[in-house]
C-alpha atoms as a PDB file:
ATOM      1  CA  MET A   1       0.026  -0.087  -0.200  1.00  0.00           C
ATOM      2  CA  ALA A   2       1.371   3.260  -0.919  1.00  0.00           C
ATOM      3  CA  TRP A   3       0.689   6.487   1.177  1.00  0.00           C
ATOM      4  CA  THR A   4      -0.956   9.660   0.206  1.00  0.00           C
ATOM      5  CA  GLU A   5       0.350  13.253   1.128  1.00  0.00           C
ATOM      6  CA  ARG A   6      -2.047  15.155   3.205  1.00  0.00           C
ATOM      7  CA  VAL A   7      -1.204  18.589   4.316  1.00  0.00           C
ATOM      8  CA  VAL A   8      -2.611  20.370   7.702  1.00  0.00           C
ATOM      9  CA  VAL A   9      -2.208  24.108   8.434  1.00  0.00           C
ATOM     10  CA  ARG A  10      -2.397  25.276  11.703  1.00  0.00           C
ATOM     11  CA  ASP A  11      -1.665  29.315  12.311  1.00  0.00           C
ATOM     12  CA  GLY A  12       0.136  29.290   9.159  1.00  0.00           C
ATOM     13  CA  VAL A  13       2.371  26.728   9.880  1.00  0.00           C
ATOM     14  CA  ARG A  14       2.637  24.064   7.240  1.00  0.00           C
ATOM     15  CA  LEU A  15       2.373  20.402   8.165  1.00  0.00           C
ATOM     16  CA  VAL A  16       2.925  17.477   5.823  1.00  0.00           C
ATOM     17  CA  CYS A  17       1.869  13.971   6.523  1.00  0.00           C
ATOM     18  CA  ARG A  18       1.823  10.621   4.995  1.00  0.00           C
ATOM     19  CA  ASP A  19      -1.205   9.348   5.270  1.00  0.00           C
ATOM     20  CA  TRP A  20      -1.158   5.177   4.593  1.00  0.00           C
ATOM     21  CA  GLY A  21      -5.038   4.976   5.017  1.00  0.00           C
ATOM     22  CA  GLY A  22      -6.326   1.369   6.589  1.00  0.00           C
ATOM     23  CA  PRO A  23      -9.579   0.009   7.803  1.00  0.00           C
ATOM     24  CA  GLY A  24      -9.418   0.459  11.646  1.00  0.00           C
ATOM     25  CA  PRO A  25      -8.924   2.967  14.455  1.00  0.00           C
ATOM     26  CA  ALA A  26      -6.521   5.960  14.041  1.00  0.00           C
ATOM     27  CA  VAL A  27      -2.790   5.596  14.475  1.00  0.00           C
ATOM     28  CA  VAL A  28      -0.655   8.734  14.327  1.00  0.00           C
ATOM     29  CA  LEU A  29       3.213   8.519  14.023  1.00  0.00           C
ATOM     30  CA  LEU A  30       5.364  10.768  15.336  1.00  0.00           C
ATOM     31  CA  HIS A  31       9.365  10.950  14.414  1.00  0.00           C
ATOM     32  CA  GLY A  32      12.042  12.405  16.924  1.00  0.00           C
ATOM     33  CA  LEU A  33      14.518  15.143  16.946  1.00  0.00           C
ATOM     34  CA  ALA A  34      16.307  15.791  13.208  1.00  0.00           C
ATOM     35  CA  GLY A  35      13.809  13.002  12.024  1.00  0.00           C
ATOM     36  CA  HIS A  36      11.250  12.759   9.156  1.00  0.00           C
ATOM     37  CA  ALA A  37       8.102  10.553   8.682  1.00  0.00           C
ATOM     38  CA  GLY A  38       9.754   8.268   6.221  1.00  0.00           C
ATOM     39  CA  GLU A  39      11.252   6.828   9.245  1.00  0.00           C
ATOM     40  CA  TRP A  40       8.174   5.089   9.620  1.00  0.00           C
ATOM     41  CA  ASP A  41       7.289   3.814   6.321  1.00  0.00           C
ATOM     42  CA  VAL A  42       7.844  -0.197   6.982  1.00  0.00           C
ATOM     43  CA  PRO A  43       5.892   0.058  10.272  1.00  0.00           C
ATOM     44  CA  ALA A  44       3.322   1.958   8.839  1.00  0.00           C
ATOM     45  CA  ARG A  45       3.001  -0.394   5.911  1.00  0.00           C
ATOM     46  CA  ARG A  46       2.302  -3.300   8.232  1.00  0.00           C
ATOM     47  CA  LEU A  47       0.014  -1.221  10.462  1.00  0.00           C
ATOM     48  CA  SER A  48      -2.116   0.137   7.789  1.00  0.00           C
ATOM     49  CA  GLU A  49      -3.441  -3.522   6.979  1.00  0.00           C
ATOM     50  CA  ARG A  50      -5.561  -3.199  10.824  1.00  0.00           C
ATOM     51  CA  PHE A  51      -5.537   0.559  11.281  1.00  0.00           C
ATOM     52  CA  ARG A  52      -5.947   4.116   9.804  1.00  0.00           C
ATOM     53  CA  VAL A  53      -2.169   5.169   9.967  1.00  0.00           C
ATOM     54  CA  VAL A  54      -0.586   8.711   9.395  1.00  0.00           C
ATOM     55  CA  ALA A  55       3.172   9.764   9.622  1.00  0.00           C
ATOM     56  CA  VAL A  56       3.617  13.425  10.485  1.00  0.00           C
ATOM     57  CA  ASP A  57       6.658  15.480   9.234  1.00  0.00           C
ATOM     58  CA  GLN A  58       6.810  17.430  12.468  1.00  0.00           C
ATOM     59  CA  ARG A  59       7.373  21.273  12.501  1.00  0.00           C
ATOM     60  CA  GLY A  60      10.718  22.318  11.471  1.00  0.00           C
ATOM     61  CA  HIS A  61      11.461  18.887   9.980  1.00  0.00           C
ATOM     62  CA  GLY A  62      11.533  17.204   6.776  1.00  0.00           C
ATOM     63  CA  ALA A  63       8.602  18.761   3.930  1.00  0.00           C
ATOM     64  CA  SER A  64       6.891  20.644   7.006  1.00  0.00           C
ATOM     65  CA  GLU A  65       7.727  24.181   7.633  1.00  0.00           C
ATOM     66  CA  ARG A  66      11.540  24.676   8.037  1.00  0.00           C
ATOM     67  CA  ARG A  67      11.940  27.430  10.307  1.00  0.00           C
ATOM     68  CA  PRO A  68       8.422  28.085  12.109  1.00  0.00           C
ATOM     69  CA  ALA A  69       8.716  30.864  14.730  1.00  0.00           C
ATOM     70  CA  ASP A  70       7.292  28.777  17.450  1.00  0.00           C
ATOM     71  CA  VAL A  71       9.163  25.502  18.596  1.00  0.00           C
ATOM     72  CA  SER A  72       7.845  25.150  22.203  1.00  0.00           C
ATOM     73  CA  ARG A  73       6.473  21.736  23.387  1.00  0.00           C
ATOM     74  CA  ALA A  74       2.965  23.555  23.455  1.00  0.00           C
ATOM     75  CA  ALA A  75       3.378  24.058  19.519  1.00  0.00           C
ATOM     76  CA  PHE A  76       4.038  20.583  18.677  1.00  0.00           C
ATOM     77  CA  VAL A  77       1.345  19.500  20.747  1.00  0.00           C
ATOM     78  CA  ALA A  78      -1.011  21.532  19.255  1.00  0.00           C
ATOM     79  CA  ASP A  79       0.144  20.330  15.644  1.00  0.00           C
ATOM     80  CA  VAL A  80      -0.842  16.768  16.715  1.00  0.00           C
ATOM     81  CA  ALA A  81      -4.362  18.042  17.583  1.00  0.00           C
ATOM     82  CA  ALA A  82      -4.676  19.768  14.374  1.00  0.00           C
ATOM     83  CA  VAL A  83      -3.564  16.692  12.335  1.00  0.00           C
ATOM     84  CA  ALA A  84      -6.233  14.853  14.494  1.00  0.00           C
ATOM     85  CA  GLU A  85      -9.069  17.416  14.115  1.00  0.00           C
ATOM     86  CA  GLN A  86      -8.279  18.054  10.270  1.00  0.00           C
ATOM     87  CA  LEU A  87      -7.798  14.611   9.065  1.00  0.00           C
ATOM     88  CA  GLU A  88     -11.065  13.694  11.207  1.00  0.00           C
ATOM     89  CA  LEU A  89      -8.843  11.124  12.887  1.00  0.00           C
ATOM     90  CA  GLU A  90     -11.145   9.948  15.499  1.00  0.00           C
ATOM     91  CA  ARG A  91      -9.603   9.288  19.248  1.00  0.00           C
ATOM     92  CA  PRO A  92      -5.917   8.317  17.595  1.00  0.00           C
ATOM     93  CA  VAL A  93      -3.158   5.979  19.092  1.00  0.00           C
ATOM     94  CA  LEU A  94      -0.316   8.232  19.336  1.00  0.00           C
ATOM     95  CA  ILE A  95       3.131   6.402  18.471  1.00  0.00           C
ATOM     96  CA  GLY A  96       6.421   8.498  19.093  1.00  0.00           C
ATOM     97  CA  GLN A  97      10.223   7.960  19.033  1.00  0.00           C
ATOM     98  CA  SER A  98      12.391   9.970  21.095  1.00  0.00           C
ATOM     99  CA  LEU A  99      10.994  13.695  21.642  1.00  0.00           C
ATOM    100  CA  GLY A 100       7.903  12.640  19.196  1.00  0.00           C
ATOM    101  CA  GLY A 101       7.245  10.110  22.233  1.00  0.00           C
ATOM    102  CA  HIS A 102       7.575  13.069  24.727  1.00  0.00           C
ATOM    103  CA  THR A 103       4.856  15.019  22.403  1.00  0.00           C
ATOM    104  CA  ALA A 104       2.678  12.167  22.282  1.00  0.00           C
ATOM    105  CA  MET A 105       3.205  11.715  26.272  1.00  0.00           C
ATOM    106  CA  LEU A 106       2.185  15.615  26.641  1.00  0.00           C
ATOM    107  CA  THR A 107      -0.655  15.503  23.787  1.00  0.00           C
ATOM    108  CA  ALA A 108      -2.020  12.564  26.110  1.00  0.00           C
ATOM    109  CA  ALA A 109      -1.850  14.326  28.898  1.00  0.00           C
ATOM    110  CA  ALA A 110      -3.229  17.874  27.783  1.00  0.00           C
ATOM    111  CA  ARG A 111      -6.097  16.043  25.598  1.00  0.00           C
ATOM    112  CA  PRO A 112      -7.165  13.089  26.926  1.00  0.00           C
ATOM    113  CA  GLU A 113     -10.277  12.958  25.179  1.00  0.00           C
ATOM    114  CA  LEU A 114      -8.396  13.097  21.912  1.00  0.00           C
ATOM    115  CA  VAL A 115      -5.839  10.093  22.623  1.00  0.00           C
ATOM    116  CA  ARG A 116      -7.216   6.746  22.404  1.00  0.00           C
ATOM    117  CA  ALA A 117      -3.327   5.089  23.684  1.00  0.00           C
ATOM    118  CA  LEU A 118      -0.092   5.821  23.736  1.00  0.00           C
ATOM    119  CA  VAL A 119       3.209   3.975  22.744  1.00  0.00           C
ATOM    120  CA  LEU A 120       6.315   5.618  23.785  1.00  0.00           C
ATOM    121  CA  VAL A 121       9.682   4.334  21.864  1.00  0.00           C
ATOM    122  CA  GLU A 122      12.712   5.112  23.629  1.00  0.00           C
ATOM    123  CA  ALA A 123      11.171   8.109  25.499  1.00  0.00           C
ATOM    124  CA  ALA A 124      10.230   9.405  28.781  1.00  0.00           C
ATOM    125  CA  PRO A 125       8.945  12.605  30.736  1.00  0.00           C
ATOM    126  CA  GLY A 126      12.657  13.256  32.100  1.00  0.00           C
ATOM    127  CA  ASP A 127      14.049  15.736  34.267  1.00  0.00           C
ATOM    128  CA  PRO A 128      15.767  18.860  33.308  1.00  0.00           C
ATOM    129  CA  ASP A 129      19.170  18.223  31.137  1.00  0.00           C
ATOM    130  CA  PRO A 130      20.443  22.035  30.872  1.00  0.00           C
ATOM    131  CA  GLY A 131      23.529  19.982  28.483  1.00  0.00           C
ATOM    132  CA  SER A 132      21.464  18.617  26.066  1.00  0.00           C
ATOM    133  CA  PRO A 133      20.772  21.407  23.581  1.00  0.00           C
ATOM    134  CA  GLY A 134      25.103  21.959  23.661  1.00  0.00           C
ATOM    135  CA  THR A 135      25.101  17.980  22.972  1.00  0.00           C
ATOM    136  CA  ILE A 136      22.535  18.324  20.337  1.00  0.00           C
ATOM    137  CA  GLY A 137      24.231  20.996  18.497  1.00  0.00           C
ATOM    138  CA  ALA A 138      27.592  19.608  18.654  1.00  0.00           C
ATOM    139  CA  TRP A 139      26.175  16.485  16.835  1.00  0.00           C
ATOM    140  CA  LEU A 140      25.010  18.023  14.193  1.00  0.00           C
ATOM    141  CA  ASP A 141      27.698  19.959  13.877  1.00  0.00           C
ATOM    142  CA  SER A 142      29.601  17.000  13.448  1.00  0.00           C
ATOM    143  CA  TRP A 143      27.799  15.891  10.165  1.00  0.00           C
ATOM    144  CA  PRO A 144      30.329  16.655   7.336  1.00  0.00           C
ATOM    145  CA  VAL A 145      27.376  18.358   5.456  1.00  0.00           C
ATOM    146  CA  PRO A 146      27.375  18.254   2.375  1.00  0.00           C
ATOM    147  CA  PHE A 147      27.523  14.707   2.328  1.00  0.00           C
ATOM    148  CA  PRO A 148      29.046  13.686  -0.938  1.00  0.00           C
ATOM    149  CA  SER A 149      26.830  10.682  -2.115  1.00  0.00           C
ATOM    150  CA  ARG A 150      23.951   8.879  -0.315  1.00  0.00           C
ATOM    151  CA  GLU A 151      25.887   6.250   0.479  1.00  0.00           C
ATOM    152  CA  ALA A 152      28.450   8.422   1.998  1.00  0.00           C
ATOM    153  CA  ALA A 153      25.544   9.425   4.403  1.00  0.00           C
ATOM    154  CA  VAL A 154      24.503   5.781   5.272  1.00  0.00           C
ATOM    155  CA  SER A 155      27.778   5.095   6.285  1.00  0.00           C
ATOM    156  CA  PHE A 156      28.140   8.085   8.680  1.00  0.00           C
ATOM    157  CA  PHE A 157      24.860   6.995  10.473  1.00  0.00           C
ATOM    158  CA  GLY A 158      26.589   3.820  11.151  1.00  0.00           C
ATOM    159  CA  GLY A 159      25.158   1.518   8.406  1.00  0.00           C
ATOM    160  CA  GLY A 160      22.452  -1.071   8.378  1.00  0.00           C
ATOM    161  CA  PRO A 161      18.802   0.176   8.218  1.00  0.00           C
ATOM    162  CA  ALA A 162      19.412   2.938  11.129  1.00  0.00           C
ATOM    163  CA  GLY A 163      21.979   4.437   8.828  1.00  0.00           C
ATOM    164  CA  GLU A 164      19.436   4.073   5.448  1.00  0.00           C
ATOM    165  CA  GLY A 165      16.946   5.621   7.659  1.00  0.00           C
ATOM    166  CA  TRP A 166      18.705   8.978   8.673  1.00  0.00           C
ATOM    167  CA  ALA A 167      19.792   8.939   4.897  1.00  0.00           C
ATOM    168  CA  THR A 168      16.631   8.993   3.422  1.00  0.00           C
ATOM    169  CA  GLY A 169      15.677  12.372   5.665  1.00  0.00           C
ATOM    170  CA  LEU A 170      18.444  13.960   3.472  1.00  0.00           C
ATOM    171  CA  GLU A 171      17.561  16.390   0.264  1.00  0.00           C
ATOM    172  CA  GLY A 172      20.111  15.386  -2.632  1.00  0.00           C
ATOM    173  CA  TYR A 173      21.459  19.301  -4.185  1.00  0.00           C
ATOM    174  CA  GLU A 174      23.752  20.444  -6.681  1.00  0.00           C
ATOM    175  CA  GLY A 175      27.265  19.264  -4.483  1.00  0.00           C
ATOM    176  CA  GLY A 176      25.928  16.979  -2.481  1.00  0.00           C
ATOM    177  CA  TRP A 177      23.251  15.980  -0.153  1.00  0.00           C
ATOM    178  CA  ARG A 178      21.855  18.019   3.079  1.00  0.00           C
ATOM    179  CA  PRO A 179      19.758  18.039   5.879  1.00  0.00           C
ATOM    180  CA  ARG A 180      15.799  18.801   5.588  1.00  0.00           C
ATOM    181  CA  PHE A 181      16.112  21.290   8.628  1.00  0.00           C
ATOM    182  CA  ASP A 182      18.216  24.425  10.260  1.00  0.00           C
ATOM    183  CA  ARG A 183      20.352  23.035  13.058  1.00  0.00           C
ATOM    184  CA  ASP A 184      19.200  26.208  15.105  1.00  0.00           C
ATOM    185  CA  VAL A 185      15.565  25.107  15.040  1.00  0.00           C
ATOM    186  CA  MET A 186      16.695  21.600  16.188  1.00  0.00           C
ATOM    187  CA  VAL A 187      18.511  23.194  19.020  1.00  0.00           C
ATOM    188  CA  ALA A 188      15.481  25.454  20.313  1.00  0.00           C
ATOM    189  CA  SER A 189      13.095  22.699  20.208  1.00  0.00           C
ATOM    190  CA  LEU A 190      15.131  21.472  23.157  1.00  0.00           C
ATOM    191  CA  ALA A 191      15.275  24.322  25.010  1.00  0.00           C
ATOM    192  CA  GLU A 192      12.017  23.356  27.262  1.00  0.00           C
ATOM    193  CA  ASN A 193      13.677  19.931  27.977  1.00  0.00           C
ATOM    194  CA  ALA A 194      16.741  21.767  28.941  1.00  0.00           C
ATOM    195  CA  ARG A 195      14.954  23.625  31.544  1.00  0.00           C
ATOM    196  CA  ARG A 196      12.196  22.107  33.143  1.00  0.00           C
ATOM    197  CA  SER A 197      10.586  18.603  34.138  1.00  0.00           C
ATOM    198  CA  PHE A 198       7.859  17.021  32.517  1.00  0.00           C
ATOM    199  CA  ARG A 199       7.081  14.240  35.427  1.00  0.00           C
ATOM    200  CA  SER A 200       3.731  16.100  36.223  1.00  0.00           C
ATOM    201  CA  ALA A 201       2.161  15.495  32.652  1.00  0.00           C
ATOM    202  CA  TRP A 202       3.065  11.720  33.044  1.00  0.00           C
ATOM    203  CA  ARG A 203       1.350  11.783  35.995  1.00  0.00           C
ATOM    204  CA  GLN A 204      -1.950  13.073  34.320  1.00  0.00           C
ATOM    205  CA  VAL A 205      -1.587  10.846  31.201  1.00  0.00           C
ATOM    206  CA  THR A 206      -4.646   8.364  31.503  1.00  0.00           C
ATOM    207  CA  CYS A 207      -4.976   6.280  28.328  1.00  0.00           C
ATOM    208  CA  PRO A 208      -3.268   2.614  28.098  1.00  0.00           C
ATOM    209  CA  THR A 209       0.468   3.176  27.526  1.00  0.00           C
ATOM    210  CA  MET A 210       3.452   0.804  26.478  1.00  0.00           C
ATOM    211  CA  VAL A 211       6.694   1.750  26.819  1.00  0.00           C
ATOM    212  CA  VAL A 212       9.197  -0.089  24.431  1.00  0.00           C
ATOM    213  CA  LEU A 213      12.776   0.558  25.281  1.00  0.00           C
ATOM    214  CA  ALA A 214      16.430  -0.300  23.282  1.00  0.00           C
ATOM    215  CA  GLN A 215      18.845  -2.907  24.847  1.00  0.00           C
ATOM    216  CA  SER A 216      21.123   0.239  24.795  1.00  0.00           C
ATOM    217  CA  SER A 217      18.684   2.677  25.678  1.00  0.00           C
ATOM    218  CA  PHE A 218      19.269   6.369  25.915  1.00  0.00           C
ATOM    219  CA  ILE A 219      16.400   6.182  28.571  1.00  0.00           C
ATOM    220  CA  PRO A 220      18.554   5.834  32.461  1.00  0.00           C
ATOM    221  CA  GLY A 221      17.163   2.851  34.409  1.00  0.00           C
ATOM    222  CA  ALA A 222      16.496   5.325  37.156  1.00  0.00           C
ATOM    223  CA  ASP A 223      13.900   7.520  34.907  1.00  0.00           C
ATOM    224  CA  VAL A 224      12.521   3.891  33.566  1.00  0.00           C
ATOM    225  CA  ASP A 225      12.070   2.979  37.584  1.00  0.00           C
ATOM    226  CA  ALA A 226      10.593   6.357  38.231  1.00  0.00           C
ATOM    227  CA  MET A 227       7.801   5.977  35.086  1.00  0.00           C
ATOM    228  CA  LEU A 228       6.870   2.673  36.398  1.00  0.00           C
ATOM    229  CA  GLY A 229       6.526   4.049  39.875  1.00  0.00           C
ATOM    230  CA  LEU A 230       4.402   6.705  39.221  1.00  0.00           C
ATOM    231  CA  ARG A 231       2.187   4.742  36.346  1.00  0.00           C
ATOM    232  CA  PRO A 232       2.922   1.222  37.801  1.00  0.00           C
ATOM    233  CA  GLU A 233      -0.028  -0.031  34.999  1.00  0.00           C
ATOM    234  CA  THR A 234       2.094   0.824  32.190  1.00  0.00           C
ATOM    235  CA  LEU A 235       3.204  -1.790  30.238  1.00  0.00           C
ATOM    236  CA  ALA A 236       7.254  -1.539  29.627  1.00  0.00           C
ATOM    237  CA  MET A 237       9.429  -3.642  27.477  1.00  0.00           C
ATOM    238  CA  SER A 238      12.664  -4.071  26.192  1.00  0.00           C
ATOM    239  CA  LEU A 239      13.919  -5.318  22.645  1.00  0.00           C
ATOM    240  CA  PRO A 240      17.762  -7.467  22.789  1.00  0.00           C
ATOM    241  CA  GLY A 241      19.934  -6.330  20.296  1.00  0.00           C
ATOM    242  CA  THR A 242      18.665  -2.641  20.116  1.00  0.00           C
ATOM    243  CA  GLY A 243      19.766   1.134  20.054  1.00  0.00           C
ATOM    244  CA  HIS A 244      18.155   4.535  20.334  1.00  0.00           C
ATOM    245  CA  ASP A 245      16.575   3.909  16.541  1.00  0.00           C
ATOM    246  CA  LEU A 246      14.919   0.814  17.384  1.00  0.00           C
ATOM    247  CA  HIS A 247      12.054   1.596  15.074  1.00  0.00           C
ATOM    248  CA  LEU A 248      14.758   1.885  12.076  1.00  0.00           C
ATOM    249  CA  GLU A 249      16.729  -1.593  13.041  1.00  0.00           C
ATOM    250  CA  ARG A 250      13.603  -4.165  14.011  1.00  0.00           C
ATOM    251  CA  PRO A 251      10.444  -2.341  12.813  1.00  0.00           C
ATOM    252  CA  HIS A 252       8.556  -5.597  12.269  1.00  0.00           C
ATOM    253  CA  VAL A 253       9.342  -6.474  15.543  1.00  0.00           C
ATOM    254  CA  LEU A 254       8.043  -3.238  16.818  1.00  0.00           C
ATOM    255  CA  ALA A 255       4.787  -2.705  14.884  1.00  0.00           C
ATOM    256  CA  GLY A 256       4.187  -6.549  16.433  1.00  0.00           C
ATOM    257  CA  LEU A 257       4.354  -5.589  19.571  1.00  0.00           C
ATOM    258  CA  CYS A 258       1.961  -2.708  18.558  1.00  0.00           C
ATOM    259  CA  GLU A 259      -0.491  -5.036  16.966  1.00  0.00           C
ATOM    260  CA  THR A 260      -0.631  -6.852  19.894  1.00  0.00           C
ATOM    261  CA  PHE A 261      -1.000  -4.299  22.500  1.00  0.00           C
ATOM    262  CA  LEU A 262      -3.650  -2.457  20.265  1.00  0.00           C
ATOM    263  CA  ALA A 263      -5.648  -5.470  19.522  1.00  0.00           C
ATOM    264  CA  ASP A 264      -6.546  -5.711  23.434  1.00  0.00           C
ATOM    265  CA  LEU A 265      -8.033  -2.065  23.011  1.00  0.00           C
ATOM    266  CA  ALA A 266     -11.772  -2.039  22.231  1.00  0.00           C
ATOM    267  CA  PRO A 267     -13.232   0.756  19.884  1.00  0.00           C
ATOM    268  CA  GLY A 268     -14.488   2.896  23.220  1.00  0.00           C
ATOM    269  CA  CYS A 269     -11.464   1.520  25.626  1.00  0.00           C
ATOM    270  CA  GLY A 270     -11.205   3.667  28.373  1.00  0.00           C
ATOM    271  CA  THR A 271      -8.042   3.581  30.996  1.00  0.00           C
ATOM    272  CA  SER A 272      -8.010   0.264  32.197  1.00  0.00           C
ATOM    273  CA  PRO A 273      -4.575  -1.204  32.096  1.00  0.00           C
ATOM    274  CA  VAL A 274      -3.603  -3.794  29.555  1.00  0.00           C
ATOM    275  CA  ARG A 275      -1.496  -6.779  30.161  1.00  0.00           C
ATOM    276  CA  LEU A 276       0.990  -8.023  27.362  1.00  0.00           C
ATOM    277  CA  ARG A 277       3.464 -10.793  28.173  1.00  0.00           C
ATOM    278  CA  GLY A 278       6.711 -12.278  26.195  1.00  0.00           C
ATOM    279  CA  PRO A 279      10.270 -12.137  25.975  1.00  0.00           C
ATOM    280  CA  GLY A 280      11.832  -8.613  27.050  1.00  0.00           C
ATOM    281  CA  THR A 281       8.615  -7.814  29.335  1.00  0.00           C
ATOM    282  CA  ARG A 282       9.644  -5.476  32.501  1.00  0.00           C
END
């Protein structure tokens, strides 16, 4: 099944979505910082056999508005609501990786009537991290832009499915391949995470939630324990042999976990916990 481009405009900001269609309840896929909607192509194709799937290029990323004036967490949340409303996605399940997972969590907290369920992939509310903008800025500065070829970009990003996924987010120009985002916009998008905690938002989430972590996770174990302590009904799983980009490394496994999790959610599901058992269950 191929996707169709959909455009959502909110407060003058253009958001481009990949609408995969599908017969069932709605699912919205949210990529991480410096990512793009195409990262979700493999799981989106599989999930669209059972769900109505939409992957979003979030503001500042991919084909969407490159330099939005507002990159606050609230702006990202309002964008998700606009996508759901304008594309007529009734109570979508939000699945987000990294900062996209953070956006999904904040949306579920702020708009509980909008969100059916939540899947956080390598994402957590976290504590303030003053060093994160500098760390991300230095990482982006290390990219040898322009990449001389797509193959060179795949190699730089570690090769394999993860390298391919990152390289797909680049755009070819005369003279090489460049990101479809601006470095300063990415750094500014982390400003709130650098100075405040979002644990209070995590406490406000009421919908069924699954957290999927990598074996080599970016999320400290203490943060995971704190998450589960605040919301013990949360299902948490860890995938062996994966890193932060597990949605690229093991897309079919992730899609299968999401299918199993969502199969237990009736169309009118409330807030009762969902139980899933299997290898890697925490």
